[in-house]
Structures are given as C-alpha cells and as structure tokens.
Full PDB file with SEQRES, HELIX, SHEET, SSBOND, CRYST1, ORIGX, SCALE, CONECT and MASTER records, all heavy atoms in Angstrom:
SEQRES   1 A   39  MET LEU SER ALA LEU MET LEU LYS ARG TYR LEU PRO LYS          
SEQRES   2 A   39  MET PRO HIS LEU LEU PHE GLY MET VAL MET GLY SER LEU          
SEQRES   3 A   39  ALA SER ILE ALA ILE GLY GLY ALA ALA HIS GLY LEU THR          
HELIX    1 AA1 LEU A    2  TYR A   10  1                                   9    
HELIX    2 AA2 HIS A   16  ILE A   31  1                                  16    
HELIX    3 AA3 GLY A   33  HIS A   36  5                                   4    
CRYST1    1.000    1.000    1.000  90.00  90.00  90.00 P 1           1          
ORIGX1      1.000000  0.000000  0.000000        0.00000                         
ORIGX2      0.000000  1.000000  0.000000        0.00000                         
ORIGX3      0.000000  0.000000  1.000000        0.00000                         
SCALE1      1.000000  0.000000  0.000000        0.00000                         
SCALE2      0.000000  1.000000  0.000000        0.00000                         
SCALE3      0.000000  0.000000  1.000000        0.00000                         
ATOM      1  N   MET A   1       2.516   0.685  -5.048  1.00  0.00           N  
ATOM      2  CA  MET A   1       3.330  -0.179  -5.909  1.00  0.00           C  
ATOM      3  C   MET A   1       4.665  -0.510  -5.258  1.00  0.00           C  
ATOM      4  O   MET A   1       5.116  -1.663  -5.278  1.00  0.00           O  
ATOM      5  CB  MET A   1       3.554   0.498  -7.271  1.00  0.00           C  
ATOM      6  CG  MET A   1       2.313   0.541  -8.144  1.00  0.00           C  
ATOM      7  SD  MET A   1       2.654   1.084  -9.833  1.00  0.00           S  
ATOM      8  CE  MET A   1       2.803   2.846  -9.591  1.00  0.00           C  
ATOM      9  N   LEU A   2       5.305   0.486  -4.659  1.00  0.00           N  
ATOM     10  CA  LEU A   2       6.604   0.277  -4.017  1.00  0.00           C  
ATOM     11  C   LEU A   2       6.488  -0.709  -2.855  1.00  0.00           C  
ATOM     12  O   LEU A   2       7.335  -1.600  -2.693  1.00  0.00           O  
ATOM     13  CB  LEU A   2       7.166   1.609  -3.533  1.00  0.00           C  
ATOM     14  CG  LEU A   2       8.562   1.561  -2.898  1.00  0.00           C  
ATOM     15  CD1 LEU A   2       9.577   1.075  -3.922  1.00  0.00           C  
ATOM     16  CD2 LEU A   2       8.966   2.939  -2.371  1.00  0.00           C  
ATOM     17  N   SER A   3       5.429  -0.573  -2.060  1.00  0.00           N  
ATOM     18  CA  SER A   3       5.228  -1.477  -0.925  1.00  0.00           C  
ATOM     19  C   SER A   3       5.064  -2.916  -1.409  1.00  0.00           C  
ATOM     20  O   SER A   3       5.656  -3.854  -0.849  1.00  0.00           O  
ATOM     21  CB  SER A   3       3.983  -1.053  -0.130  1.00  0.00           C  
ATOM     22  OG  SER A   3       4.114   0.260   0.366  1.00  0.00           O  
ATOM     23  N   ALA A   4       4.261  -3.104  -2.451  1.00  0.00           N  
ATOM     24  CA  ALA A   4       4.035  -4.446  -2.994  1.00  0.00           C  
ATOM     25  C   ALA A   4       5.323  -5.035  -3.553  1.00  0.00           C  
ATOM     26  O   ALA A   4       5.627  -6.215  -3.331  1.00  0.00           O  
ATOM     27  CB  ALA A   4       2.957  -4.398  -4.074  1.00  0.00           C  
ATOM     28  N   LEU A   5       6.089  -4.227  -4.270  1.00  0.00           N  
ATOM     29  CA  LEU A   5       7.331  -4.710  -4.873  1.00  0.00           C  
ATOM     30  C   LEU A   5       8.374  -5.070  -3.818  1.00  0.00           C  
ATOM     31  O   LEU A   5       9.100  -6.066  -3.960  1.00  0.00           O  
ATOM     32  CB  LEU A   5       7.897  -3.658  -5.828  1.00  0.00           C  
ATOM     33  CG  LEU A   5       7.113  -3.434  -7.123  1.00  0.00           C  
ATOM     34  CD1 LEU A   5       7.667  -2.242  -7.888  1.00  0.00           C  
ATOM     35  CD2 LEU A   5       7.162  -4.686  -7.999  1.00  0.00           C  
ATOM     36  N   MET A   6       8.457  -4.273  -2.755  1.00  0.00           N  
ATOM     37  CA  MET A   6       9.419  -4.549  -1.696  1.00  0.00           C  
ATOM     38  C   MET A   6       9.092  -5.866  -0.993  1.00  0.00           C  
ATOM     39  O   MET A   6       9.979  -6.666  -0.711  1.00  0.00           O  
ATOM     40  CB  MET A   6       9.434  -3.397  -0.692  1.00  0.00           C  
ATOM     41  CG  MET A   6       9.989  -2.090  -1.243  1.00  0.00           C  
ATOM     42  SD  MET A   6      11.728  -2.207  -1.716  1.00  0.00           S  
ATOM     43  CE  MET A   6      12.500  -2.227  -0.109  1.00  0.00           C  
ATOM     44  N   LEU A   7       7.809  -6.089  -0.717  1.00  0.00           N  
ATOM     45  CA  LEU A   7       7.432  -7.343  -0.056  1.00  0.00           C  
ATOM     46  C   LEU A   7       7.701  -8.538  -0.973  1.00  0.00           C  
ATOM     47  O   LEU A   7       8.180  -9.583  -0.521  1.00  0.00           O  
ATOM     48  CB  LEU A   7       5.952  -7.311   0.339  1.00  0.00           C  
ATOM     49  CG  LEU A   7       5.496  -8.525   1.170  1.00  0.00           C  
ATOM     50  CD1 LEU A   7       6.118  -8.482   2.551  1.00  0.00           C  
ATOM     51  CD2 LEU A   7       3.978  -8.587   1.265  1.00  0.00           C  
ATOM     52  N   LYS A   8       7.409  -8.367  -2.263  1.00  0.00           N  
ATOM     53  CA  LYS A   8       7.640  -9.457  -3.211  1.00  0.00           C  
ATOM     54  C   LYS A   8       9.122  -9.795  -3.296  1.00  0.00           C  
ATOM     55  O   LYS A   8       9.502 -10.972  -3.431  1.00  0.00           O  
ATOM     56  CB  LYS A   8       7.108  -9.070  -4.595  1.00  0.00           C  
ATOM     57  CG  LYS A   8       7.235 -10.190  -5.629  1.00  0.00           C  
ATOM     58  CD  LYS A   8       6.682  -9.770  -6.974  1.00  0.00           C  
ATOM     59  CE  LYS A   8       6.789 -10.900  -7.992  1.00  0.00           C  
ATOM     60  NZ  LYS A   8       6.273 -10.498  -9.314  1.00  0.00           N  
ATOM     61  N   ARG A   9       9.975  -8.789  -3.181  1.00  0.00           N  
ATOM     62  CA  ARG A   9      11.416  -9.019  -3.283  1.00  0.00           C  
ATOM     63  C   ARG A   9      11.972  -9.724  -2.053  1.00  0.00           C  
ATOM     64  O   ARG A   9      12.762 -10.666  -2.166  1.00  0.00           O  
ATOM     65  CB  ARG A   9      12.143  -7.696  -3.498  1.00  0.00           C  
ATOM     66  CG  ARG A   9      13.657  -7.854  -3.588  1.00  0.00           C  
ATOM     67  CD  ARG A   9      14.344  -6.573  -3.942  1.00  0.00           C  
ATOM     68  NE  ARG A   9      15.792  -6.755  -4.029  1.00  0.00           N  
ATOM     69  CZ  ARG A   9      16.648  -5.801  -4.333  1.00  0.00           C  
ATOM     70  NH1 ARG A   9      16.206  -4.559  -4.580  1.00  0.00           N  
ATOM     71  NH2 ARG A   9      17.936  -6.043  -4.380  1.00  0.00           N  
ATOM     72  N   TYR A  10      11.569  -9.276  -0.881  1.00  0.00           N  
ATOM     73  CA  TYR A  10      12.168  -9.789   0.345  1.00  0.00           C  
ATOM     74  C   TYR A  10      11.375 -10.943   0.979  1.00  0.00           C  
ATOM     75  O   TYR A  10      11.943 -11.759   1.688  1.00  0.00           O  
ATOM     76  CB  TYR A  10      12.339  -8.654   1.361  1.00  0.00           C  
ATOM     77  CG  TYR A  10      13.339  -7.627   0.906  1.00  0.00           C  
ATOM     78  CD1 TYR A  10      12.932  -6.371   0.459  1.00  0.00           C  
ATOM     79  CD2 TYR A  10      14.703  -7.920   0.889  1.00  0.00           C  
ATOM     80  CE1 TYR A  10      13.853  -5.420   0.019  1.00  0.00           C  
ATOM     81  CE2 TYR A  10      15.634  -6.976   0.442  1.00  0.00           C  
ATOM     82  CZ  TYR A  10      15.200  -5.736   0.014  1.00  0.00           C  
ATOM     83  OH  TYR A  10      16.124  -4.820  -0.424  1.00  0.00           O  
ATOM     84  N   LEU A  11      10.066 -10.989   0.730  1.00  0.00           N  
ATOM     85  CA  LEU A  11       9.240 -12.094   1.235  1.00  0.00           C  
ATOM     86  C   LEU A  11       8.336 -12.571   0.094  1.00  0.00           C  
ATOM     87  O   LEU A  11       7.129 -12.323   0.083  1.00  0.00           O  
ATOM     88  CB  LEU A  11       8.394 -11.639   2.437  1.00  0.00           C  
ATOM     89  CG  LEU A  11       9.176 -11.249   3.703  1.00  0.00           C  
ATOM     90  CD1 LEU A  11       8.233 -10.622   4.726  1.00  0.00           C  
ATOM     91  CD2 LEU A  11       9.883 -12.461   4.308  1.00  0.00           C  
ATOM     92  N   PRO A  12       8.937 -13.234  -0.912  1.00  0.00           N  
ATOM     93  CA  PRO A  12       8.193 -13.563  -2.136  1.00  0.00           C  
ATOM     94  C   PRO A  12       6.979 -14.461  -1.941  1.00  0.00           C  
ATOM     95  O   PRO A  12       6.093 -14.491  -2.792  1.00  0.00           O  
ATOM     96  CB  PRO A  12       9.258 -14.256  -3.006  1.00  0.00           C  
ATOM     97  CG  PRO A  12      10.304 -14.719  -2.047  1.00  0.00           C  
ATOM     98  CD  PRO A  12      10.318 -13.733  -0.937  1.00  0.00           C  
ATOM     99  N   LYS A  13       6.916 -15.200  -0.825  1.00  0.00           N  
ATOM    100  CA  LYS A  13       5.786 -16.099  -0.613  1.00  0.00           C  
ATOM    101  C   LYS A  13       4.580 -15.393   0.010  1.00  0.00           C  
ATOM    102  O   LYS A  13       3.498 -15.972   0.097  1.00  0.00           O  
ATOM    103  CB  LYS A  13       6.209 -17.272   0.272  1.00  0.00           C  
ATOM    104  CG  LYS A  13       7.218 -18.204  -0.403  1.00  0.00           C  
ATOM    105  CD  LYS A  13       7.503 -19.429   0.451  1.00  0.00           C  
ATOM    106  CE  LYS A  13       8.473 -20.369  -0.268  1.00  0.00           C  
ATOM    107  NZ  LYS A  13       8.764 -21.572   0.555  1.00  0.00           N  
ATOM    108  N   MET A  14       4.756 -14.162   0.438  1.00  0.00           N  
ATOM    109  CA  MET A  14       3.660 -13.415   1.049  1.00  0.00           C  
ATOM    110  C   MET A  14       2.785 -12.777  -0.034  1.00  0.00           C  
ATOM    111  O   MET A  14       3.269 -12.483  -1.138  1.00  0.00           O  
ATOM    112  CB  MET A  14       4.199 -12.343   1.986  1.00  0.00           C  
ATOM    113  CG  MET A  14       5.022 -12.892   3.144  1.00  0.00           C  
ATOM    114  SD  MET A  14       4.035 -13.911   4.242  1.00  0.00           S  
ATOM    115  CE  MET A  14       3.049 -12.648   5.042  1.00  0.00           C  
ATOM    116  N   PRO A  15       1.499 -12.529   0.260  1.00  0.00           N  
ATOM    117  CA  PRO A  15       0.594 -11.905  -0.730  1.00  0.00           C  
ATOM    118  C   PRO A  15       0.910 -10.426  -0.913  1.00  0.00           C  
ATOM    119  O   PRO A  15       0.347  -9.563  -0.246  1.00  0.00           O  
ATOM    120  CB  PRO A  15      -0.793 -12.131  -0.115  1.00  0.00           C  
ATOM    121  CG  PRO A  15      -0.541 -12.237   1.350  1.00  0.00           C  
ATOM    122  CD  PRO A  15       0.799 -12.888   1.514  1.00  0.00           C  
ATOM    123  N   HIS A  16       1.819 -10.117  -1.832  1.00  0.00           N  
ATOM    124  CA  HIS A  16       2.341  -8.748  -1.963  1.00  0.00           C  
ATOM    125  C   HIS A  16       1.286  -7.759  -2.466  1.00  0.00           C  
ATOM    126  O   HIS A  16       1.310  -6.583  -2.096  1.00  0.00           O  
ATOM    127  CB  HIS A  16       3.570  -8.736  -2.866  1.00  0.00           C  
ATOM    128  CG  HIS A  16       3.309  -9.140  -4.281  1.00  0.00           C  
ATOM    129  ND1 HIS A  16       3.059 -10.434  -4.649  1.00  0.00           N  
ATOM    130  CD2 HIS A  16       3.259  -8.406  -5.421  1.00  0.00           C  
ATOM    131  CE1 HIS A  16       2.869 -10.495  -5.950  1.00  0.00           C  
ATOM    132  NE2 HIS A  16       2.976  -9.282  -6.460  1.00  0.00           N  
ATOM    133  N   LEU A  17       0.374  -8.218  -3.336  1.00  0.00           N  
ATOM    134  CA  LEU A  17      -0.649  -7.295  -3.838  1.00  0.00           C  
ATOM    135  C   LEU A  17      -1.593  -6.863  -2.718  1.00  0.00           C  
ATOM    136  O   LEU A  17      -1.959  -5.673  -2.611  1.00  0.00           O  
ATOM    137  CB  LEU A  17      -1.440  -7.954  -4.966  1.00  0.00           C  
ATOM    138  CG  LEU A  17      -0.655  -8.304  -6.242  1.00  0.00           C  
ATOM    139  CD1 LEU A  17      -1.573  -8.933  -7.272  1.00  0.00           C  
ATOM    140  CD2 LEU A  17       0.029  -7.074  -6.823  1.00  0.00           C  
ATOM    141  N   LEU A  18      -1.979  -7.800  -1.887  1.00  0.00           N  
ATOM    142  CA  LEU A  18      -2.837  -7.479  -0.747  1.00  0.00           C  
ATOM    143  C   LEU A  18      -2.115  -6.540   0.218  1.00  0.00           C  
ATOM    144  O   LEU A  18      -2.700  -5.574   0.726  1.00  0.00           O  
ATOM    145  CB  LEU A  18      -3.243  -8.762  -0.030  1.00  0.00           C  
ATOM    146  CG  LEU A  18      -4.225  -8.618   1.139  1.00  0.00           C  
ATOM    147  CD1 LEU A  18      -5.530  -7.997   0.666  1.00  0.00           C  
ATOM    148  CD2 LEU A  18      -4.484  -9.971   1.790  1.00  0.00           C  
ATOM    149  N   PHE A  19      -0.830  -6.806   0.430  1.00  0.00           N  
ATOM    150  CA  PHE A  19      -0.034  -5.948   1.307  1.00  0.00           C  
ATOM    151  C   PHE A  19       0.042  -4.532   0.742  1.00  0.00           C  
ATOM    152  O   PHE A  19      -0.077  -3.541   1.485  1.00  0.00           O  
ATOM    153  CB  PHE A  19       1.372  -6.535   1.447  1.00  0.00           C  
ATOM    154  CG  PHE A  19       2.302  -5.712   2.288  1.00  0.00           C  
ATOM    155  CD1 PHE A  19       2.188  -5.697   3.673  1.00  0.00           C  
ATOM    156  CD2 PHE A  19       3.297  -4.944   1.693  1.00  0.00           C  
ATOM    157  CE1 PHE A  19       3.053  -4.933   4.457  1.00  0.00           C  
ATOM    158  CE2 PHE A  19       4.165  -4.184   2.464  1.00  0.00           C  
ATOM    159  CZ  PHE A  19       4.039  -4.180   3.850  1.00  0.00           C  
ATOM    160  N   GLY A  20       0.235  -4.402  -0.564  1.00  0.00           N  
ATOM    161  CA  GLY A  20       0.295  -3.082  -1.192  1.00  0.00           C  
ATOM    162  C   GLY A  20      -0.996  -2.305  -1.006  1.00  0.00           C  
ATOM    163  O   GLY A  20      -0.982  -1.103  -0.737  1.00  0.00           O  
ATOM    164  N   MET A  21      -2.147  -2.993  -1.150  1.00  0.00           N  
ATOM    165  CA  MET A  21      -3.440  -2.347  -0.944  1.00  0.00           C  
ATOM    166  C   MET A  21      -3.586  -1.837   0.493  1.00  0.00           C  
ATOM    167  O   MET A  21      -4.054  -0.715   0.721  1.00  0.00           O  
ATOM    168  CB  MET A  21      -4.570  -3.325  -1.264  1.00  0.00           C  
ATOM    169  CG  MET A  21      -4.799  -3.590  -2.737  1.00  0.00           C  
ATOM    170  SD  MET A  21      -6.252  -4.650  -2.957  1.00  0.00           S  
ATOM    171  CE  MET A  21      -6.319  -4.739  -4.734  1.00  0.00           C  
ATOM    172  N   VAL A  22      -3.181  -2.673   1.440  1.00  0.00           N  
ATOM    173  CA  VAL A  22      -3.281  -2.274   2.849  1.00  0.00           C  
ATOM    174  C   VAL A  22      -2.404  -1.056   3.119  1.00  0.00           C  
ATOM    175  O   VAL A  22      -2.842  -0.086   3.772  1.00  0.00           O  
ATOM    176  CB  VAL A  22      -2.877  -3.451   3.765  1.00  0.00           C  
ATOM    177  CG1 VAL A  22      -2.784  -2.991   5.226  1.00  0.00           C  
ATOM    178  CG2 VAL A  22      -3.884  -4.587   3.641  1.00  0.00           C  
ATOM    179  N   MET A  23      -1.174  -1.079   2.618  1.00  0.00           N  
ATOM    180  CA  MET A  23      -0.258   0.044   2.851  1.00  0.00           C  
ATOM    181  C   MET A  23      -0.762   1.313   2.176  1.00  0.00           C  
ATOM    182  O   MET A  23      -0.652   2.420   2.729  1.00  0.00           O  
ATOM    183  CB  MET A  23       1.138  -0.314   2.341  1.00  0.00           C  
ATOM    184  CG  MET A  23       1.801  -1.457   3.100  1.00  0.00           C  
ATOM    185  SD  MET A  23       1.941  -1.148   4.875  1.00  0.00           S  
ATOM    186  CE  MET A  23       3.107   0.209   4.880  1.00  0.00           C  
ATOM    187  N   GLY A  24      -1.325   1.186   0.973  1.00  0.00           N  
ATOM    188  CA  GLY A  24      -1.884   2.351   0.291  1.00  0.00           C  
ATOM    189  C   GLY A  24      -3.050   2.943   1.057  1.00  0.00           C  
ATOM    190  O   GLY A  24      -3.201   4.170   1.146  1.00  0.00           O  
ATOM    191  N   SER A  25      -3.885   2.062   1.630  1.00  0.00           N  
ATOM    192  CA  SER A  25      -5.024   2.533   2.420  1.00  0.00           C  
ATOM    193  C   SER A  25      -4.556   3.252   3.676  1.00  0.00           C  
ATOM    194  O   SER A  25      -5.075   4.332   4.033  1.00  0.00           O  
ATOM    195  CB  SER A  25      -5.918   1.339   2.810  1.00  0.00           C  
ATOM    196  OG  SER A  25      -6.416   0.695   1.655  1.00  0.00           O  
ATOM    197  N   LEU A  26      -3.556   2.700   4.363  1.00  0.00           N  
ATOM    198  CA  LEU A  26      -3.028   3.329   5.582  1.00  0.00           C  
ATOM    199  C   LEU A  26      -2.383   4.682   5.262  1.00  0.00           C  
ATOM    200  O   LEU A  26      -2.550   5.658   6.017  1.00  0.00           O  
ATOM    201  CB  LEU A  26      -2.013   2.399   6.252  1.00  0.00           C  
ATOM    202  CG  LEU A  26      -2.578   1.097   6.835  1.00  0.00           C  
ATOM    203  CD1 LEU A  26      -1.449   0.222   7.372  1.00  0.00           C  
ATOM    204  CD2 LEU A  26      -3.590   1.403   7.939  1.00  0.00           C  
ATOM    205  N   ALA A  27      -1.663   4.738   4.146  1.00  0.00           N  
ATOM    206  CA  ALA A  27      -1.029   6.002   3.757  1.00  0.00           C  
ATOM    207  C   ALA A  27      -2.079   7.066   3.443  1.00  0.00           C  
ATOM    208  O   ALA A  27      -1.916   8.245   3.786  1.00  0.00           O  
ATOM    209  CB  ALA A  27      -0.131   5.772   2.538  1.00  0.00           C  
ATOM    210  N   SER A  28      -3.179   6.648   2.798  1.00  0.00           N  
ATOM    211  CA  SER A  28      -4.247   7.589   2.483  1.00  0.00           C  
ATOM    212  C   SER A  28      -4.899   8.138   3.750  1.00  0.00           C  
ATOM    213  O   SER A  28      -5.189   9.343   3.852  1.00  0.00           O  
ATOM    214  CB  SER A  28      -5.297   6.890   1.609  1.00  0.00           C  
ATOM    215  OG  SER A  28      -6.402   7.721   1.380  1.00  0.00           O  
ATOM    216  N   ILE A  29      -5.118   7.261   4.731  1.00  0.00           N  
ATOM    217  CA  ILE A  29      -5.697   7.698   6.003  1.00  0.00           C  
ATOM    218  C   ILE A  29      -4.749   8.669   6.700  1.00  0.00           C  
ATOM    219  O   ILE A  29      -5.166   9.699   7.262  1.00  0.00           O  
ATOM    220  CB  ILE A  29      -5.976   6.472   6.897  1.00  0.00           C  
ATOM    221  CG1 ILE A  29      -7.088   5.613   6.286  1.00  0.00           C  
ATOM    222  CG2 ILE A  29      -6.376   6.918   8.314  1.00  0.00           C  
ATOM    223  CD1 ILE A  29      -7.279   4.284   6.984  1.00  0.00           C  
ATOM    224  N   ALA A  30      -3.438   8.391   6.633  1.00  0.00           N  
ATOM    225  CA  ALA A  30      -2.439   9.214   7.315  1.00  0.00           C  
ATOM    226  C   ALA A  30      -2.389  10.637   6.772  1.00  0.00           C  
ATOM    227  O   ALA A  30      -2.165  11.596   7.532  1.00  0.00           O  
ATOM    228  CB  ALA A  30      -1.068   8.556   7.208  1.00  0.00           C  
ATOM    229  N   ILE A  31      -2.598  10.811   5.467  1.00  0.00           N  
ATOM    230  CA  ILE A  31      -2.499  12.158   4.881  1.00  0.00           C  
ATOM    231  C   ILE A  31      -3.869  12.822   4.740  1.00  0.00           C  
ATOM    232  O   ILE A  31      -3.958  13.943   4.229  1.00  0.00           O  
ATOM    233  CB  ILE A  31      -1.807  12.118   3.504  1.00  0.00           C  
ATOM    234  CG1 ILE A  31      -2.673  11.369   2.474  1.00  0.00           C  
ATOM    235  CG2 ILE A  31      -0.420  11.511   3.595  1.00  0.00           C  
ATOM    236  CD1 ILE A  31      -2.171  11.482   1.045  1.00  0.00           C  
ATOM    237  N   GLY A  32      -4.925  12.136   5.193  1.00  0.00           N  
ATOM    238  CA  GLY A  32      -6.271  12.690   5.022  1.00  0.00           C  
ATOM    239  C   GLY A  32      -6.635  12.766   3.560  1.00  0.00           C  
ATOM    240  O   GLY A  32      -6.894  13.853   3.017  1.00  0.00           O  
ATOM    241  N   GLY A  33      -6.637  11.625   2.901  1.00  0.00           N  
ATOM    242  CA  GLY A  33      -6.771  11.556   1.448  1.00  0.00           C  
ATOM    243  C   GLY A  33      -7.979  12.255   0.870  1.00  0.00           C  
ATOM    244  O   GLY A  33      -7.883  12.931  -0.168  1.00  0.00           O  
ATOM    245  N   ALA A  34      -9.117  12.138   1.501  1.00  0.00           N  
ATOM    246  CA  ALA A  34     -10.334  12.744   0.957  1.00  0.00           C  
ATOM    247  C   ALA A  34     -10.186  14.251   0.799  1.00  0.00           C  
ATOM    248  O   ALA A  34     -10.729  14.851  -0.142  1.00  0.00           O  
ATOM    249  CB  ALA A  34     -11.521  12.418   1.859  1.00  0.00           C  
ATOM    250  N   ALA A  35      -9.447  14.882   1.718  1.00  0.00           N  
ATOM    251  CA  ALA A  35      -9.258  16.333   1.657  1.00  0.00           C  
ATOM    252  C   ALA A  35      -8.344  16.742   0.510  1.00  0.00           C  
ATOM    253  O   ALA A  35      -8.299  17.924   0.127  1.00  0.00           O  
ATOM    254  CB  ALA A  35      -8.683  16.838   2.991  1.00  0.00           C  
ATOM    255  N   HIS A  36      -7.606  15.794  -0.054  1.00  0.00           N  
ATOM    256  CA  HIS A  36      -6.661  16.093  -1.139  1.00  0.00           C  
ATOM    257  C   HIS A  36      -7.119  15.507  -2.477  1.00  0.00           C  
ATOM    258  O   HIS A  36      -6.305  15.348  -3.394  1.00  0.00           O  
ATOM    259  CB  HIS A  36      -5.270  15.556  -0.788  1.00  0.00           C  
ATOM    260  CG  HIS A  36      -4.672  16.189   0.427  1.00  0.00           C  
ATOM    261  ND1 HIS A  36      -4.274  17.514   0.457  1.00  0.00           N  
ATOM    262  CD2 HIS A  36      -4.426  15.691   1.673  1.00  0.00           C  
ATOM    263  CE1 HIS A  36      -3.785  17.810   1.657  1.00  0.00           C  
ATOM    264  NE2 HIS A  36      -3.868  16.718   2.421  1.00  0.00           N  
ATOM    265  N   GLY A  37      -8.386  15.193  -2.578  1.00  0.00           N  
ATOM    266  CA  GLY A  37      -8.940  14.756  -3.867  1.00  0.00           C  
ATOM    267  C   GLY A  37      -8.931  13.270  -4.111  1.00  0.00           C  
ATOM    268  O   GLY A  37      -9.293  12.827  -5.210  1.00  0.00           O  
ATOM    269  N   LEU A  38      -8.530  12.450  -3.125  1.00  0.00           N  
ATOM    270  CA  LEU A  38      -8.542  11.004  -3.316  1.00  0.00           C  
ATOM    271  C   LEU A  38      -9.969  10.468  -3.198  1.00  0.00           C  
ATOM    272  O   LEU A  38     -10.738  10.907  -2.350  1.00  0.00           O  
ATOM    273  CB  LEU A  38      -7.663  10.305  -2.282  1.00  0.00           C  
ATOM    274  CG  LEU A  38      -6.187  10.126  -2.695  1.00  0.00           C  
ATOM    275  CD1 LEU A  38      -5.432  11.435  -2.503  1.00  0.00           C  
ATOM    276  CD2 LEU A  38      -5.518   9.021  -1.890  1.00  0.00           C  
ATOM    277  N   THR A  39     -10.293   9.531  -4.071  1.00  0.00           N  
ATOM    278  CA  THR A  39     -11.589   8.849  -4.005  1.00  0.00           C  
ATOM    279  C   THR A  39     -11.359   7.406  -3.585  1.00  0.00           C  
ATOM    280  O   THR A  39     -10.235   6.899  -3.662  1.00  0.00           O  
ATOM    281  CB  THR A  39     -12.307   8.884  -5.366  1.00  0.00           C  
ATOM    282  OG1 THR A  39     -11.452   8.297  -6.367  1.00  0.00           O  
ATOM    283  CG2 THR A  39     -12.632  10.308  -5.773  1.00  0.00           C  
TER     284      THR A  39                                                      
MASTER        0    0    0    3    0    0    0    6  283    1    0    3          
END                                                                             
C-alpha cells in the first residue's frame, strides 16, 4: 500500500496499483515469504 501511495503522490500518471503489486512481490521474495506463512 505504501509503495502504491508514494508512486501516486509523486508520479500520479503512472500505474500505481500495478507498481504496488510488483513491489509487494519483490518484498515477499526478499524475505522468503513462503517460509513465514505467506500464500
């Protein structure tokens, strides 16, 4: 949510929801999400 909101604020014409999904996916990979209960 924070990633999407930041992009919407500073680059309002960019697809912020898509950006938020990408950032959430990268963050999950970085922390090994499956090992911590993420589905």
